[in-house]
Amino acid sequence: MEGSFEVQARSILDSLKAIIEEGGSSLDRVVKVTIFLTDMNRFAELNAIYAEYFGESRPARACVEVNRLPKDVPLEIEAVAFCS
């Protein structure tokens, strides 16, 4: 994945949204999110972008700083959502 941190974060969240919707759910039905960051100094930037996607929906969330992620990406996000 290439581009700025913001571009990569938005791409990940767009993909996450598409996968959840393909599964018959939506971001407002997400109950748990885990974020892996290689640089915790990026948390505020990520949090602002994250808020645009999740709005008033506030699923439980954990954010962990890690040394390295596959393909040297700066972040990875996983989510659990209810499906109908």
C-alpha atoms as a PDB file:
ATOM      1  CA  MET A   1       0.000   0.000   0.000  1.00  0.00           C
ATOM      2  CA  GLU A   2       1.339   3.396  -0.912  1.00  0.00           C
ATOM      3  CA  GLY A   3       0.429   6.980  -0.139  1.00  0.00           C
ATOM      4  CA  SER A   4       0.316   9.156   2.921  1.00  0.00           C
ATOM      5  CA  PHE A   5      -0.813   7.860   6.293  1.00  0.00           C
ATOM      6  CA  GLU A   6      -4.217   9.472   5.708  1.00  0.00           C
ATOM      7  CA  VAL A   7      -4.608   7.825   2.286  1.00  0.00           C
ATOM      8  CA  GLN A   8      -3.713   4.436   3.733  1.00  0.00           C
ATOM      9  CA  ALA A   9      -6.023   4.850   6.741  1.00  0.00           C
ATOM     10  CA  ARG A  10      -8.944   5.820   4.521  1.00  0.00           C
ATOM     11  CA  SER A  11      -8.242   2.924   2.166  1.00  0.00           C
ATOM     12  CA  ILE A  12      -8.256   0.471   5.067  1.00  0.00           C
ATOM     13  CA  LEU A  13     -11.474   1.899   6.500  1.00  0.00           C
ATOM     14  CA  ASP A  14     -13.129   1.917   3.052  1.00  0.00           C
ATOM     15  CA  SER A  15     -12.174  -1.745   2.620  1.00  0.00           C
ATOM     16  CA  LEU A  16     -13.395  -2.593   6.107  1.00  0.00           C
ATOM     17  CA  LYS A  17     -16.711  -0.864   5.387  1.00  0.00           C
ATOM     18  CA  ALA A  18     -17.115  -2.717   2.073  1.00  0.00           C
ATOM     19  CA  ILE A  19     -16.367  -6.105   3.654  1.00  0.00           C
ATOM     20  CA  ILE A  20     -18.802  -5.505   6.512  1.00  0.00           C
ATOM     21  CA  GLU A  21     -21.533  -4.357   4.118  1.00  0.00           C
ATOM     22  CA  GLU A  22     -20.914  -7.354   1.837  1.00  0.00           C
ATOM     23  CA  GLY A  23     -21.498  -9.511   4.898  1.00  0.00           C
ATOM     24  CA  GLY A  24     -24.913  -7.924   5.432  1.00  0.00           C
ATOM     25  CA  SER A  25     -24.005  -5.489   8.187  1.00  0.00           C
ATOM     26  CA  SER A  26     -22.799  -1.889   8.532  1.00  0.00           C
ATOM     27  CA  LEU A  27     -20.300   0.183  10.472  1.00  0.00           C
ATOM     28  CA  ASP A  28     -22.974   1.155  12.999  1.00  0.00           C
ATOM     29  CA  ARG A  29     -23.287  -2.538  13.917  1.00  0.00           C
ATOM     30  CA  VAL A  30     -19.577  -2.915  14.696  1.00  0.00           C
ATOM     31  CA  VAL A  31     -19.109  -3.891  18.339  1.00  0.00           C
ATOM     32  CA  LYS A  32     -15.310  -4.175  18.609  1.00  0.00           C
ATOM     33  CA  VAL A  33     -12.383  -2.643  16.728  1.00  0.00           C
ATOM     34  CA  THR A  34      -8.700  -3.397  17.196  1.00  0.00           C
ATOM     35  CA  ILE A  35      -6.161  -1.029  15.686  1.00  0.00           C
ATOM     36  CA  PHE A  36      -2.489  -1.845  15.299  1.00  0.00           C
ATOM     37  CA  LEU A  37      -0.222   1.183  14.761  1.00  0.00           C
ATOM     38  CA  THR A  38       3.513   1.211  14.149  1.00  0.00           C
ATOM     39  CA  ASP A  39       3.701   4.790  15.482  1.00  0.00           C
ATOM     40  CA  MET A  40       1.429   5.834  18.336  1.00  0.00           C
ATOM     41  CA  ASN A  41       2.225   9.472  17.480  1.00  0.00           C
ATOM     42  CA  ARG A  42      -0.231   8.960  14.580  1.00  0.00           C
ATOM     43  CA  PHE A  43      -3.124   8.158  16.932  1.00  0.00           C
ATOM     44  CA  ALA A  44      -4.693  11.648  16.876  1.00  0.00           C
ATOM     45  CA  GLU A  45      -4.572  11.730  13.066  1.00  0.00           C
ATOM     46  CA  LEU A  46      -6.104   8.276  12.858  1.00  0.00           C
ATOM     47  CA  ASN A  47      -8.726   9.129  15.477  1.00  0.00           C
ATOM     48  CA  ALA A  48      -9.979  12.085  13.415  1.00  0.00           C
ATOM     49  CA  ILE A  49     -10.330   9.897  10.310  1.00  0.00           C
ATOM     50  CA  TYR A  50     -11.877   7.059  12.336  1.00  0.00           C
ATOM     51  CA  ALA A  51     -14.531   9.456  13.715  1.00  0.00           C
ATOM     52  CA  GLU A  52     -15.605  10.336  10.153  1.00  0.00           C
ATOM     53  CA  TYR A  53     -16.374   6.677   9.473  1.00  0.00           C
ATOM     54  CA  PHE A  54     -17.922   5.667  12.772  1.00  0.00           C
ATOM     55  CA  GLY A  55     -19.644   8.950  13.681  1.00  0.00           C
ATOM     56  CA  GLU A  56     -21.801   8.570  16.764  1.00  0.00           C
ATOM     57  CA  SER A  57     -21.296   4.805  16.736  1.00  0.00           C
ATOM     58  CA  ARG A  58     -18.698   4.106  19.388  1.00  0.00           C
ATOM     59  CA  PRO A  59     -17.747   0.430  19.354  1.00  0.00           C
ATOM     60  CA  ALA A  60     -15.333  -0.895  21.959  1.00  0.00           C
ATOM     61  CA  ARG A  61     -11.849  -0.160  20.708  1.00  0.00           C
ATOM     62  CA  ALA A  62      -8.290  -1.152  21.486  1.00  0.00           C
ATOM     63  CA  CYS A  63      -5.244   0.483  19.948  1.00  0.00           C
ATOM     64  CA  VAL A  64      -1.878  -1.211  20.190  1.00  0.00           C
ATOM     65  CA  GLU A  65       1.512   0.025  19.073  1.00  0.00           C
ATOM     66  CA  VAL A  66       3.477  -2.693  17.312  1.00  0.00           C
ATOM     67  CA  ASN A  67       7.022  -2.857  16.039  1.00  0.00           C
ATOM     68  CA  ARG A  68       6.178  -3.959  12.510  1.00  0.00           C
ATOM     69  CA  LEU A  69       3.219  -5.042  10.380  1.00  0.00           C
ATOM     70  CA  PRO A  70       3.103  -7.224   7.259  1.00  0.00           C
ATOM     71  CA  LYS A  71       4.320  -5.436   4.128  1.00  0.00           C
ATOM     72  CA  ASP A  72       5.568  -2.612   6.395  1.00  0.00           C
ATOM     73  CA  VAL A  73       2.202  -0.828   6.443  1.00  0.00           C
ATOM     74  CA  PRO A  74       1.759   1.766   9.211  1.00  0.00           C
ATOM     75  CA  LEU A  75      -1.550   0.402  10.499  1.00  0.00           C
ATOM     76  CA  GLU A  76      -3.941  -2.504  10.440  1.00  0.00           C
ATOM     77  CA  ILE A  77      -7.554  -2.547  11.617  1.00  0.00           C
ATOM     78  CA  GLU A  78      -9.805  -5.461  12.473  1.00  0.00           C
ATOM     79  CA  ALA A  79     -13.453  -5.318  13.452  1.00  0.00           C
ATOM     80  CA  VAL A  80     -16.282  -7.505  14.698  1.00  0.00           C
ATOM     81  CA  ALA A  81     -19.823  -6.637  13.624  1.00  0.00           C
ATOM     82  CA  PHE A  82     -23.285  -8.078  14.145  1.00  0.00           C
ATOM     83  CA  CYS A  83     -24.881  -9.462  10.999  1.00  0.00           C
ATOM     84  CA  SER A  84     -28.578  -9.904  10.310  1.00  0.00           C
END
